[in-house]
């Protein structure tokens, strides 16, 4: 099968490419950089395009659209360009491609105490979404409108973690001061997360299912997590030496976050990022189980040793933190 992957230089795109190359598929990787990054499989046919611009017509059996910006401090206009305009350009260039898989996000939901199912976006209060969530929801709507007669599958993961992460874990490592990890005392104790291997499994199921049925699917681990427990363990896995946790009281933490939104003294945490880790955020993946045959095979416990070994191959936690952060 010939498969196009956009955002090949990113976490999800590159890790997906590794799996599909191993399975013997022909992969065309699209990125903005002149050359593929070193972690992209050498078997990938790399093509340099900026998806904000008009594109040539692509020919393939399927496209996996991983391009997008999750910059939680970018303006809506910037995110619109990076997430909506790029999707619209790719839709035009992929008009002859029978299957389109879009990697969206759980940020299209207004999370509360209940589990979010795919239908919750139908009654969503759009103005309550983050700029990132708004832009991804608009991209979804463009896809569903433009490809209503072709197979279009939208996957909504919830905070993807695992080997190859070049965004979330490096940021967390930057919260370490003098062998202490600084975290808010009110980290959520009820959240869904998505192991990268579970997301790749969902992508494979979407690619190779016999049905041409379109659909939107939540993708997450089978367990709900307490970040009070798993976040320090995740950082410890990369840090690889004794680490203490210093919990910052909620009022002080929220004051620091508010000040940061004004003075921008760090990019490592934002109002959006803080809300992600301190609020309940549960997803219902039963639709993916019923229609795709999805079963979450991996959990955070599986990820710790894999991440630890992988960070060592990157030159240790400091090199990983300082040189792999997007």
C-alpha atoms as a PDB file:
ATOM      1  CA  UNK A   1       0.000   0.000   0.000  1.00  0.00           C
ATOM      2  CA  UNK A   2       1.246   3.496  -0.851  1.00  0.00           C
ATOM      3  CA  UNK A   3       0.543   5.835   2.062  1.00  0.00           C
ATOM      4  CA  UNK A   4       1.210   9.560   2.432  1.00  0.00           C
ATOM      5  CA  UNK A   5       1.999  10.815   5.938  1.00  0.00           C
ATOM      6  CA  UNK A   6       2.027  14.552   6.557  1.00  0.00           C
ATOM      7  CA  UNK A   7       4.002  15.856   9.500  1.00  0.00           C
ATOM      8  CA  UNK A   8       6.529  13.066   9.006  1.00  0.00           C
ATOM      9  CA  UNK A   9       9.081  15.011  11.082  1.00  0.00           C
ATOM     10  CA  UNK A  10       6.785  15.053  14.095  1.00  0.00           C
ATOM     11  CA  UNK A  11       6.208  12.584  16.914  1.00  0.00           C
ATOM     12  CA  UNK A  12       3.075  10.845  15.633  1.00  0.00           C
ATOM     13  CA  UNK A  13       4.038  10.975  11.952  1.00  0.00           C
ATOM     14  CA  UNK A  14       7.515   9.510  12.391  1.00  0.00           C
ATOM     15  CA  UNK A  15       6.450   6.780  14.825  1.00  0.00           C
ATOM     16  CA  UNK A  16       3.584   5.768  12.539  1.00  0.00           C
ATOM     17  CA  UNK A  17       5.996   5.632   9.613  1.00  0.00           C
ATOM     18  CA  UNK A  18       8.282   3.249  11.514  1.00  0.00           C
ATOM     19  CA  UNK A  19       5.409   0.833  12.093  1.00  0.00           C
ATOM     20  CA  UNK A  20       4.131   0.935   8.517  1.00  0.00           C
ATOM     21  CA  UNK A  21       7.612   0.586   7.003  1.00  0.00           C
ATOM     22  CA  UNK A  22       8.123  -2.504   9.176  1.00  0.00           C
ATOM     23  CA  UNK A  23       4.905  -3.896   7.689  1.00  0.00           C
ATOM     24  CA  UNK A  24       6.277  -3.423   4.160  1.00  0.00           C
ATOM     25  CA  UNK A  25       4.244  -0.424   3.036  1.00  0.00           C
ATOM     26  CA  UNK A  26       5.520   2.326   0.747  1.00  0.00           C
ATOM     27  CA  UNK A  27       5.548   5.609   2.675  1.00  0.00           C
ATOM     28  CA  UNK A  28       5.700   9.122   1.267  1.00  0.00           C
ATOM     29  CA  UNK A  29       6.557  11.542   4.055  1.00  0.00           C
ATOM     30  CA  UNK A  30       5.734  15.240   3.770  1.00  0.00           C
ATOM     31  CA  UNK A  31       7.413  17.904   5.874  1.00  0.00           C
ATOM     32  CA  UNK A  32       8.291  21.602   5.728  1.00  0.00           C
ATOM     33  CA  UNK A  33      12.004  21.049   6.374  1.00  0.00           C
ATOM     34  CA  UNK A  34      14.301  20.623   3.380  1.00  0.00           C
ATOM     35  CA  UNK A  35      15.347  17.188   4.618  1.00  0.00           C
ATOM     36  CA  UNK A  36      13.800  14.511   6.769  1.00  0.00           C
ATOM     37  CA  UNK A  37      14.878  14.504  10.406  1.00  0.00           C
ATOM     38  CA  UNK A  38      17.258  11.763  11.513  1.00  0.00           C
ATOM     39  CA  UNK A  39      14.533   9.817  13.320  1.00  0.00           C
ATOM     40  CA  UNK A  40      12.413   9.392  10.160  1.00  0.00           C
ATOM     41  CA  UNK A  41      12.878   5.907   8.643  1.00  0.00           C
ATOM     42  CA  UNK A  42      15.364   6.048   5.777  1.00  0.00           C
ATOM     43  CA  UNK A  43      12.973   3.975   3.646  1.00  0.00           C
ATOM     44  CA  UNK A  44      10.514   6.907   3.547  1.00  0.00           C
ATOM     45  CA  UNK A  45      10.269   8.837   0.288  1.00  0.00           C
ATOM     46  CA  UNK A  46      10.573  12.370   1.636  1.00  0.00           C
ATOM     47  CA  UNK A  47       8.940  15.359  -0.060  1.00  0.00           C
ATOM     48  CA  UNK A  48       9.247  18.962   1.116  1.00  0.00           C
ATOM     49  CA  UNK A  49       6.037  21.012   1.027  1.00  0.00           C
ATOM     50  CA  UNK A  50       4.531  23.765   3.122  1.00  0.00           C
ATOM     51  CA  UNK A  51       0.903  22.707   3.353  1.00  0.00           C
ATOM     52  CA  UNK A  52      -0.226  26.302   3.821  1.00  0.00           C
ATOM     53  CA  UNK A  53       0.461  26.748   0.095  1.00  0.00           C
ATOM     54  CA  UNK A  54      -1.241  25.145  -2.928  1.00  0.00           C
ATOM     55  CA  UNK A  55      -0.052  21.592  -3.542  1.00  0.00           C
ATOM     56  CA  UNK A  56       0.223  19.297  -6.565  1.00  0.00           C
ATOM     57  CA  UNK A  57      -2.283  16.482  -6.866  1.00  0.00           C
ATOM     58  CA  UNK A  58      -1.167  13.490  -4.825  1.00  0.00           C
ATOM     59  CA  UNK A  59      -1.700   9.843  -5.771  1.00  0.00           C
ATOM     60  CA  UNK A  60      -1.776   7.162  -3.090  1.00  0.00           C
ATOM     61  CA  UNK A  61      -4.014   4.570  -1.482  1.00  0.00           C
ATOM     62  CA  UNK A  62      -4.389   6.585   1.712  1.00  0.00           C
ATOM     63  CA  UNK A  63      -3.234   9.736   3.462  1.00  0.00           C
ATOM     64  CA  UNK A  64      -2.587  10.119   7.189  1.00  0.00           C
ATOM     65  CA  UNK A  65      -2.752  13.793   8.089  1.00  0.00           C
ATOM     66  CA  UNK A  66      -0.585  14.451  11.148  1.00  0.00           C
ATOM     67  CA  UNK A  67       0.429  18.023  10.333  1.00  0.00           C
ATOM     68  CA  UNK A  68      -0.784  20.612  12.777  1.00  0.00           C
ATOM     69  CA  UNK A  69       0.273  22.981  15.483  1.00  0.00           C
ATOM     70  CA  UNK A  70      -0.479  22.340  19.149  1.00  0.00           C
ATOM     71  CA  UNK A  71       1.287  25.532  20.248  1.00  0.00           C
ATOM     72  CA  UNK A  72      -0.788  26.490  23.284  1.00  0.00           C
ATOM     73  CA  UNK A  73       0.461  30.081  23.205  1.00  0.00           C
ATOM     74  CA  UNK A  74      -0.129  30.793  19.514  1.00  0.00           C
ATOM     75  CA  UNK A  75      -2.883  33.140  18.333  1.00  0.00           C
ATOM     76  CA  UNK A  76      -6.062  31.796  16.758  1.00  0.00           C
ATOM     77  CA  UNK A  77      -5.038  33.295  13.389  1.00  0.00           C
ATOM     78  CA  UNK A  78      -1.750  31.379  13.509  1.00  0.00           C
ATOM     79  CA  UNK A  79      -3.479  28.140  14.489  1.00  0.00           C
ATOM     80  CA  UNK A  80      -6.069  28.648  11.772  1.00  0.00           C
ATOM     81  CA  UNK A  81      -3.286  28.792   9.182  1.00  0.00           C
ATOM     82  CA  UNK A  82      -1.450  25.777  10.583  1.00  0.00           C
ATOM     83  CA  UNK A  83      -4.450  23.547  11.258  1.00  0.00           C
ATOM     84  CA  UNK A  84      -7.319  24.632   9.001  1.00  0.00           C
ATOM     85  CA  UNK A  85      -5.638  26.077   5.910  1.00  0.00           C
ATOM     86  CA  UNK A  86      -3.172  23.175   5.736  1.00  0.00           C
ATOM     87  CA  UNK A  87      -6.050  20.691   5.950  1.00  0.00           C
ATOM     88  CA  UNK A  88      -7.985  22.465   3.206  1.00  0.00           C
ATOM     89  CA  UNK A  89      -4.939  22.469   0.923  1.00  0.00           C
ATOM     90  CA  UNK A  90      -4.402  18.763   1.541  1.00  0.00           C
ATOM     91  CA  UNK A  91      -8.071  18.002   0.866  1.00  0.00           C
ATOM     92  CA  UNK A  92      -7.731  19.580  -2.582  1.00  0.00           C
ATOM     93  CA  UNK A  93      -4.465  17.748  -3.315  1.00  0.00           C
ATOM     94  CA  UNK A  94      -5.919  14.406  -2.147  1.00  0.00           C
ATOM     95  CA  UNK A  95      -9.167  14.443  -4.107  1.00  0.00           C
ATOM     96  CA  UNK A  96      -8.247  11.158  -5.832  1.00  0.00           C
ATOM     97  CA  UNK A  97      -7.126   9.384  -2.654  1.00  0.00           C
ATOM     98  CA  UNK A  98      -9.853   7.020  -1.422  1.00  0.00           C
ATOM     99  CA  UNK A  99      -9.014   7.056   2.305  1.00  0.00           C
ATOM    100  CA  UNK A 100      -8.151  10.058   4.484  1.00  0.00           C
ATOM    101  CA  UNK A 101      -7.194   9.642   8.163  1.00  0.00           C
ATOM    102  CA  UNK A 102      -6.991  12.826  10.208  1.00  0.00           C
ATOM    103  CA  UNK A 103      -5.241  12.941  13.578  1.00  0.00           C
ATOM    104  CA  UNK A 104      -7.360  15.411  15.525  1.00  0.00           C
ATOM    105  CA  UNK A 105      -7.428  16.028  19.277  1.00  0.00           C
ATOM    106  CA  UNK A 106      -9.506  15.721  22.431  1.00  0.00           C
ATOM    107  CA  UNK A 107      -9.263  19.518  22.718  1.00  0.00           C
ATOM    108  CA  UNK A 108     -12.416  19.730  20.582  1.00  0.00           C
ATOM    109  CA  UNK A 109     -14.317  18.866  23.794  1.00  0.00           C
ATOM    110  CA  UNK A 110     -15.349  21.018  26.734  1.00  0.00           C
ATOM    111  CA  UNK A 111     -14.378  18.543  29.423  1.00  0.00           C
ATOM    112  CA  UNK A 112     -16.414  18.240  32.593  1.00  0.00           C
ATOM    113  CA  UNK A 113     -16.883  15.419  35.047  1.00  0.00           C
ATOM    114  CA  UNK A 114     -18.508  13.028  32.557  1.00  0.00           C
ATOM    115  CA  UNK A 115     -16.754  10.980  29.899  1.00  0.00           C
ATOM    116  CA  UNK A 116     -16.731  12.636  26.495  1.00  0.00           C
ATOM    117  CA  UNK A 117     -18.190  10.682  23.606  1.00  0.00           C
ATOM    118  CA  UNK A 118     -17.859  11.712  19.968  1.00  0.00           C
ATOM    119  CA  UNK A 119     -21.362  13.207  19.948  1.00  0.00           C
ATOM    120  CA  UNK A 120     -20.489  15.808  22.580  1.00  0.00           C
ATOM    121  CA  UNK A 121     -19.084  18.134  19.904  1.00  0.00           C
ATOM    122  CA  UNK A 122     -22.530  18.360  18.286  1.00  0.00           C
ATOM    123  CA  UNK A 123     -23.779  20.477  21.191  1.00  0.00           C
ATOM    124  CA  UNK A 124     -20.423  22.020  22.006  1.00  0.00           C
ATOM    125  CA  UNK A 125     -20.188  25.659  23.009  1.00  0.00           C
ATOM    126  CA  UNK A 126     -17.618  26.669  20.421  1.00  0.00           C
ATOM    127  CA  UNK A 127     -16.535  29.862  22.198  1.00  0.00           C
ATOM    128  CA  UNK A 128     -15.510  27.896  25.295  1.00  0.00           C
ATOM    129  CA  UNK A 129     -12.861  25.945  23.383  1.00  0.00           C
ATOM    130  CA  UNK A 130      -9.207  26.921  23.315  1.00  0.00           C
ATOM    131  CA  UNK A 131      -7.882  28.451  20.111  1.00  0.00           C
ATOM    132  CA  UNK A 132      -6.226  25.112  19.389  1.00  0.00           C
ATOM    133  CA  UNK A 133      -9.466  23.199  19.942  1.00  0.00           C
ATOM    134  CA  UNK A 134     -11.409  25.609  17.723  1.00  0.00           C
ATOM    135  CA  UNK A 135      -8.924  25.274  14.875  1.00  0.00           C
ATOM    136  CA  UNK A 136      -8.927  21.458  14.989  1.00  0.00           C
ATOM    137  CA  UNK A 137     -12.728  21.330  15.111  1.00  0.00           C
ATOM    138  CA  UNK A 138     -12.900  23.618  12.074  1.00  0.00           C
ATOM    139  CA  UNK A 139     -10.437  21.336  10.266  1.00  0.00           C
ATOM    140  CA  UNK A 140     -12.644  18.339  11.095  1.00  0.00           C
ATOM    141  CA  UNK A 141     -15.705  20.105   9.700  1.00  0.00           C
ATOM    142  CA  UNK A 142     -13.846  20.989   6.494  1.00  0.00           C
ATOM    143  CA  UNK A 143     -12.965  17.340   6.008  1.00  0.00           C
ATOM    144  CA  UNK A 144     -16.454  16.035   6.645  1.00  0.00           C
ATOM    145  CA  UNK A 145     -17.987  18.596   4.293  1.00  0.00           C
ATOM    146  CA  UNK A 146     -15.471  18.231   1.468  1.00  0.00           C
ATOM    147  CA  UNK A 147     -15.125  14.433   1.528  1.00  0.00           C
ATOM    148  CA  UNK A 148     -18.658  13.360   2.369  1.00  0.00           C
ATOM    149  CA  UNK A 149     -18.629  10.715  -0.371  1.00  0.00           C
ATOM    150  CA  UNK A 150     -15.170   9.332   0.429  1.00  0.00           C
ATOM    151  CA  UNK A 151     -13.854   7.387   3.416  1.00  0.00           C
ATOM    152  CA  UNK A 152     -12.745   9.903   6.019  1.00  0.00           C
ATOM    153  CA  UNK A 153     -11.718   8.806   9.502  1.00  0.00           C
ATOM    154  CA  UNK A 154     -11.017  11.266  12.314  1.00  0.00           C
ATOM    155  CA  UNK A 155      -9.099  10.027  15.356  1.00  0.00           C
ATOM    156  CA  UNK A 156      -9.182  12.031  18.575  1.00  0.00           C
ATOM    157  CA  UNK A 157      -6.382  11.004  20.985  1.00  0.00           C
ATOM    158  CA  UNK A 158      -5.971  12.463  24.477  1.00  0.00           C
ATOM    159  CA  UNK A 159      -2.432  13.732  25.319  1.00  0.00           C
ATOM    160  CA  UNK A 160      -0.234  11.297  23.385  1.00  0.00           C
ATOM    161  CA  UNK A 161       2.833  10.027  25.241  1.00  0.00           C
ATOM    162  CA  UNK A 162       5.614   7.499  24.640  1.00  0.00           C
ATOM    163  CA  UNK A 163       8.934   6.909  22.916  1.00  0.00           C
ATOM    164  CA  UNK A 164       9.598   9.592  20.346  1.00  0.00           C
ATOM    165  CA  UNK A 165       7.795  12.402  22.185  1.00  0.00           C
ATOM    166  CA  UNK A 166       9.554  15.659  21.399  1.00  0.00           C
ATOM    167  CA  UNK A 167       7.076  18.039  23.012  1.00  0.00           C
ATOM    168  CA  UNK A 168       5.376  17.098  26.301  1.00  0.00           C
ATOM    169  CA  UNK A 169       8.085  15.208  28.191  1.00  0.00           C
ATOM    170  CA  UNK A 170      10.870  17.700  27.367  1.00  0.00           C
ATOM    171  CA  UNK A 171       8.634  20.438  28.774  1.00  0.00           C
ATOM    172  CA  UNK A 172       8.078  18.456  31.944  1.00  0.00           C
ATOM    173  CA  UNK A 173      11.825  17.939  32.316  1.00  0.00           C
ATOM    174  CA  UNK A 174      12.237  21.698  32.205  1.00  0.00           C
ATOM    175  CA  UNK A 175      10.190  21.898  35.412  1.00  0.00           C
ATOM    176  CA  UNK A 176      13.031  20.204  37.318  1.00  0.00           C
ATOM    177  CA  UNK A 177      15.046  22.434  39.639  1.00  0.00           C
ATOM    178  CA  UNK A 178      17.861  21.019  41.814  1.00  0.00           C
ATOM    179  CA  UNK A 179      16.584  17.433  41.529  1.00  0.00           C
ATOM    180  CA  UNK A 180      13.043  18.577  42.333  1.00  0.00           C
ATOM    181  CA  UNK A 181      10.118  18.330  39.950  1.00  0.00           C
ATOM    182  CA  UNK A 182       7.831  21.349  40.388  1.00  0.00           C
ATOM    183  CA  UNK A 183       4.180  20.423  39.858  1.00  0.00           C
ATOM    184  CA  UNK A 184       0.830  21.844  40.915  1.00  0.00           C
ATOM    185  CA  UNK A 185      -0.573  20.280  44.074  1.00  0.00           C
ATOM    186  CA  UNK A 186      -3.954  19.954  42.344  1.00  0.00           C
ATOM    187  CA  UNK A 187      -2.890  17.656  39.480  1.00  0.00           C
ATOM    188  CA  UNK A 188      -5.979  15.858  38.238  1.00  0.00           C
ATOM    189  CA  UNK A 189      -6.674  12.382  39.549  1.00  0.00           C
ATOM    190  CA  UNK A 190      -9.005  11.409  36.711  1.00  0.00           C
ATOM    191  CA  UNK A 191      -7.775  11.735  33.147  1.00  0.00           C
ATOM    192  CA  UNK A 192      -7.542   9.754  29.927  1.00  0.00           C
ATOM    193  CA  UNK A 193      -4.199   9.510  28.132  1.00  0.00           C
ATOM    194  CA  UNK A 194      -3.120   7.863  24.878  1.00  0.00           C
ATOM    195  CA  UNK A 195      -0.049   5.673  24.487  1.00  0.00           C
ATOM    196  CA  UNK A 196       1.497   6.301  21.053  1.00  0.00           C
ATOM    197  CA  UNK A 197       1.369   2.566  20.357  1.00  0.00           C
ATOM    198  CA  UNK A 198      -2.390   2.524  20.939  1.00  0.00           C
ATOM    199  CA  UNK A 199      -2.835   5.444  18.554  1.00  0.00           C
ATOM    200  CA  UNK A 200      -0.756   3.700  15.881  1.00  0.00           C
ATOM    201  CA  UNK A 201      -2.901   0.585  16.338  1.00  0.00           C
ATOM    202  CA  UNK A 202      -6.014   2.707  15.725  1.00  0.00           C
ATOM    203  CA  UNK A 203      -4.407   4.167  12.603  1.00  0.00           C
ATOM    204  CA  UNK A 204      -3.678   0.664  11.307  1.00  0.00           C
ATOM    205  CA  UNK A 205      -7.244  -0.453  11.963  1.00  0.00           C
ATOM    206  CA  UNK A 206      -8.508   2.610  10.114  1.00  0.00           C
ATOM    207  CA  UNK A 207      -6.211   1.951   7.163  1.00  0.00           C
ATOM    208  CA  UNK A 208      -6.898  -1.718   6.672  1.00  0.00           C
ATOM    209  CA  UNK A 209     -10.541  -2.174   7.604  1.00  0.00           C
ATOM    210  CA  UNK A 210     -12.585  -3.519   4.703  1.00  0.00           C
ATOM    211  CA  UNK A 211     -15.381  -1.028   5.253  1.00  0.00           C
ATOM    212  CA  UNK A 212     -15.331   2.343   3.515  1.00  0.00           C
ATOM    213  CA  UNK A 213     -17.408   3.826   6.308  1.00  0.00           C
ATOM    214  CA  UNK A 214     -16.356   7.237   7.596  1.00  0.00           C
ATOM    215  CA  UNK A 215     -16.317   8.002  11.302  1.00  0.00           C
ATOM    216  CA  UNK A 216     -15.003   9.975  14.247  1.00  0.00           C
ATOM    217  CA  UNK A 217     -13.356   8.012  17.063  1.00  0.00           C
ATOM    218  CA  UNK A 218     -11.917   8.731  20.496  1.00  0.00           C
ATOM    219  CA  UNK A 219      -8.647   6.872  21.060  1.00  0.00           C
ATOM    220  CA  UNK A 220      -7.257   6.431  24.568  1.00  0.00           C
ATOM    221  CA  UNK A 221      -5.794   3.866  26.956  1.00  0.00           C
ATOM    222  CA  UNK A 222      -8.175   1.526  28.739  1.00  0.00           C
ATOM    223  CA  UNK A 223      -7.141   2.908  32.150  1.00  0.00           C
ATOM    224  CA  UNK A 224      -8.008   6.279  33.632  1.00  0.00           C
ATOM    225  CA  UNK A 225      -5.012   7.853  35.335  1.00  0.00           C
ATOM    226  CA  UNK A 226      -4.163   9.944  38.349  1.00  0.00           C
ATOM    227  CA  UNK A 227      -1.515  12.443  37.280  1.00  0.00           C
ATOM    228  CA  UNK A 228      -0.540  12.675  40.940  1.00  0.00           C
ATOM    229  CA  UNK A 229       0.857   9.162  40.436  1.00  0.00           C
ATOM    230  CA  UNK A 230       1.873   8.786  36.792  1.00  0.00           C
ATOM    231  CA  UNK A 231       3.335  12.204  35.956  1.00  0.00           C
ATOM    232  CA  UNK A 232       6.254  11.962  38.443  1.00  0.00           C
ATOM    233  CA  UNK A 233       6.883   8.377  37.293  1.00  0.00           C
ATOM    234  CA  UNK A 234       6.941   9.494  33.661  1.00  0.00           C
ATOM    235  CA  UNK A 235       9.492  12.229  34.360  1.00  0.00           C
ATOM    236  CA  UNK A 236      11.509   9.860  36.565  1.00  0.00           C
ATOM    237  CA  UNK A 237      11.689   7.362  33.696  1.00  0.00           C
ATOM    238  CA  UNK A 238      13.486   9.966  31.582  1.00  0.00           C
ATOM    239  CA  UNK A 239      15.509  11.522  34.421  1.00  0.00           C
ATOM    240  CA  UNK A 240      17.048   8.190  35.489  1.00  0.00           C
ATOM    241  CA  UNK A 241      18.238   9.330  38.913  1.00  0.00           C
ATOM    242  CA  UNK A 242      16.631  10.182  42.271  1.00  0.00           C
ATOM    243  CA  UNK A 243      14.008  12.902  41.919  1.00  0.00           C
ATOM    244  CA  UNK A 244      11.883  14.629  44.540  1.00  0.00           C
ATOM    245  CA  UNK A 245       8.469  16.129  43.822  1.00  0.00           C
ATOM    246  CA  UNK A 246       7.692  19.622  45.092  1.00  0.00           C
ATOM    247  CA  UNK A 247       3.967  20.375  45.015  1.00  0.00           C
ATOM    248  CA  UNK A 248       3.065  24.022  44.545  1.00  0.00           C
ATOM    249  CA  UNK A 249      -0.208  25.096  46.212  1.00  0.00           C
ATOM    250  CA  UNK A 250      -3.050  25.653  43.764  1.00  0.00           C
ATOM    251  CA  UNK A 251      -3.460  29.371  44.485  1.00  0.00           C
ATOM    252  CA  UNK A 252       0.256  30.080  44.004  1.00  0.00           C
ATOM    253  CA  UNK A 253       0.402  27.901  40.875  1.00  0.00           C
ATOM    254  CA  UNK A 254      -2.581  29.654  39.299  1.00  0.00           C
ATOM    255  CA  UNK A 255      -1.059  33.056  40.092  1.00  0.00           C
ATOM    256  CA  UNK A 256       2.190  32.047  38.372  1.00  0.00           C
ATOM    257  CA  UNK A 257       0.281  30.766  35.337  1.00  0.00           C
ATOM    258  CA  UNK A 258      -1.702  34.005  35.091  1.00  0.00           C
ATOM    259  CA  UNK A 259       1.457  36.108  35.319  1.00  0.00           C
ATOM    260  CA  UNK A 260       3.111  33.973  32.672  1.00  0.00           C
ATOM    261  CA  UNK A 261       0.205  34.601  30.295  1.00  0.00           C
ATOM    262  CA  UNK A 262       1.000  38.327  30.567  1.00  0.00           C
ATOM    263  CA  UNK A 263       4.805  38.415  30.731  1.00  0.00           C
ATOM    264  CA  UNK A 264       5.660  35.152  28.875  1.00  0.00           C
ATOM    265  CA  UNK A 265       8.713  34.288  30.970  1.00  0.00           C
ATOM    266  CA  UNK A 266       8.481  30.597  29.991  1.00  0.00           C
ATOM    267  CA  UNK A 267       6.939  28.505  27.223  1.00  0.00           C
ATOM    268  CA  UNK A 268       6.980  25.353  29.310  1.00  0.00           C
ATOM    269  CA  UNK A 269       3.556  25.877  30.835  1.00  0.00           C
ATOM    270  CA  UNK A 270       0.530  27.965  29.849  1.00  0.00           C
ATOM    271  CA  UNK A 271      -3.068  28.512  30.902  1.00  0.00           C
ATOM    272  CA  UNK A 272      -4.131  25.856  28.391  1.00  0.00           C
ATOM    273  CA  UNK A 273      -1.395  23.431  29.442  1.00  0.00           C
ATOM    274  CA  UNK A 274      -2.141  23.946  33.117  1.00  0.00           C
ATOM    275  CA  UNK A 275      -5.828  23.272  32.599  1.00  0.00           C
ATOM    276  CA  UNK A 276      -4.967  20.069  30.740  1.00  0.00           C
ATOM    277  CA  UNK A 277      -3.140  18.610  33.729  1.00  0.00           C
ATOM    278  CA  UNK A 278      -5.302  19.937  36.568  1.00  0.00           C
ATOM    279  CA  UNK A 279      -8.821  19.242  35.240  1.00  0.00           C
ATOM    280  CA  UNK A 280     -10.790  16.035  34.861  1.00  0.00           C
ATOM    281  CA  UNK A 281     -10.619  14.858  31.252  1.00  0.00           C
ATOM    282  CA  UNK A 282     -12.139  11.471  30.490  1.00  0.00           C
ATOM    283  CA  UNK A 283     -12.962   9.977  27.094  1.00  0.00           C
ATOM    284  CA  UNK A 284     -15.220   7.131  26.028  1.00  0.00           C
ATOM    285  CA  UNK A 285     -13.563   4.942  23.377  1.00  0.00           C
ATOM    286  CA  UNK A 286     -16.425   2.436  23.056  1.00  0.00           C
ATOM    287  CA  UNK A 287     -17.331   3.583  19.533  1.00  0.00           C
ATOM    288  CA  UNK A 288     -13.795   2.809  18.313  1.00  0.00           C
ATOM    289  CA  UNK A 289     -14.062  -0.625  19.938  1.00  0.00           C
ATOM    290  CA  UNK A 290     -17.388  -1.377  18.293  1.00  0.00           C
ATOM    291  CA  UNK A 291     -16.715  -0.027  14.800  1.00  0.00           C
ATOM    292  CA  UNK A 292     -12.933  -0.334  14.373  1.00  0.00           C
ATOM    293  CA  UNK A 293     -12.245  -3.307  16.630  1.00  0.00           C
ATOM    294  CA  UNK A 294      -9.945  -1.093  18.701  1.00  0.00           C
ATOM    295  CA  UNK A 295      -8.537  -2.437  21.958  1.00  0.00           C
ATOM    296  CA  UNK A 296      -5.974  -0.491  23.973  1.00  0.00           C
ATOM    297  CA  UNK A 297      -3.016  -2.866  24.372  1.00  0.00           C
ATOM    298  CA  UNK A 298      -0.556  -0.504  26.087  1.00  0.00           C
ATOM    299  CA  UNK A 299      -0.598   1.628  29.214  1.00  0.00           C
ATOM    300  CA  UNK A 300       1.626   4.066  31.055  1.00  0.00           C
ATOM    301  CA  UNK A 301       3.268   1.167  32.907  1.00  0.00           C
ATOM    302  CA  UNK A 302       4.437  -0.216  29.552  1.00  0.00           C
ATOM    303  CA  UNK A 303       5.877   3.152  28.575  1.00  0.00           C
ATOM    304  CA  UNK A 304       8.201   3.823  31.524  1.00  0.00           C
ATOM    305  CA  UNK A 305      10.995   1.333  30.652  1.00  0.00           C
ATOM    306  CA  UNK A 306      10.704   2.063  26.922  1.00  0.00           C
ATOM    307  CA  UNK A 307      11.038   5.809  27.492  1.00  0.00           C
ATOM    308  CA  UNK A 308      13.947   5.311  29.892  1.00  0.00           C
ATOM    309  CA  UNK A 309      15.945   3.294  27.386  1.00  0.00           C
ATOM    310  CA  UNK A 310      15.065   5.606  24.504  1.00  0.00           C
ATOM    311  CA  UNK A 311      16.150   8.763  26.353  1.00  0.00           C
ATOM    312  CA  UNK A 312      19.531   7.110  26.979  1.00  0.00           C
ATOM    313  CA  UNK A 313      19.930   6.646  23.214  1.00  0.00           C
ATOM    314  CA  UNK A 314      19.301  10.388  22.801  1.00  0.00           C
ATOM    315  CA  UNK A 315      22.291  11.285  24.931  1.00  0.00           C
ATOM    316  CA  UNK A 316      20.573  11.427  28.306  1.00  0.00           C
ATOM    317  CA  UNK A 317      17.795  13.535  29.761  1.00  0.00           C
ATOM    318  CA  UNK A 318      19.572  16.922  29.450  1.00  0.00           C
ATOM    319  CA  UNK A 319      20.322  16.479  25.764  1.00  0.00           C
ATOM    320  CA  UNK A 320      16.804  15.183  25.187  1.00  0.00           C
ATOM    321  CA  UNK A 321      15.302  18.131  27.058  1.00  0.00           C
ATOM    322  CA  UNK A 322      17.413  20.854  25.460  1.00  0.00           C
ATOM    323  CA  UNK A 323      17.664  19.682  21.858  1.00  0.00           C
ATOM    324  CA  UNK A 324      14.464  17.803  21.069  1.00  0.00           C
ATOM    325  CA  UNK A 325      11.908  20.311  22.329  1.00  0.00           C
ATOM    326  CA  UNK A 326       9.938  21.762  19.396  1.00  0.00           C
END
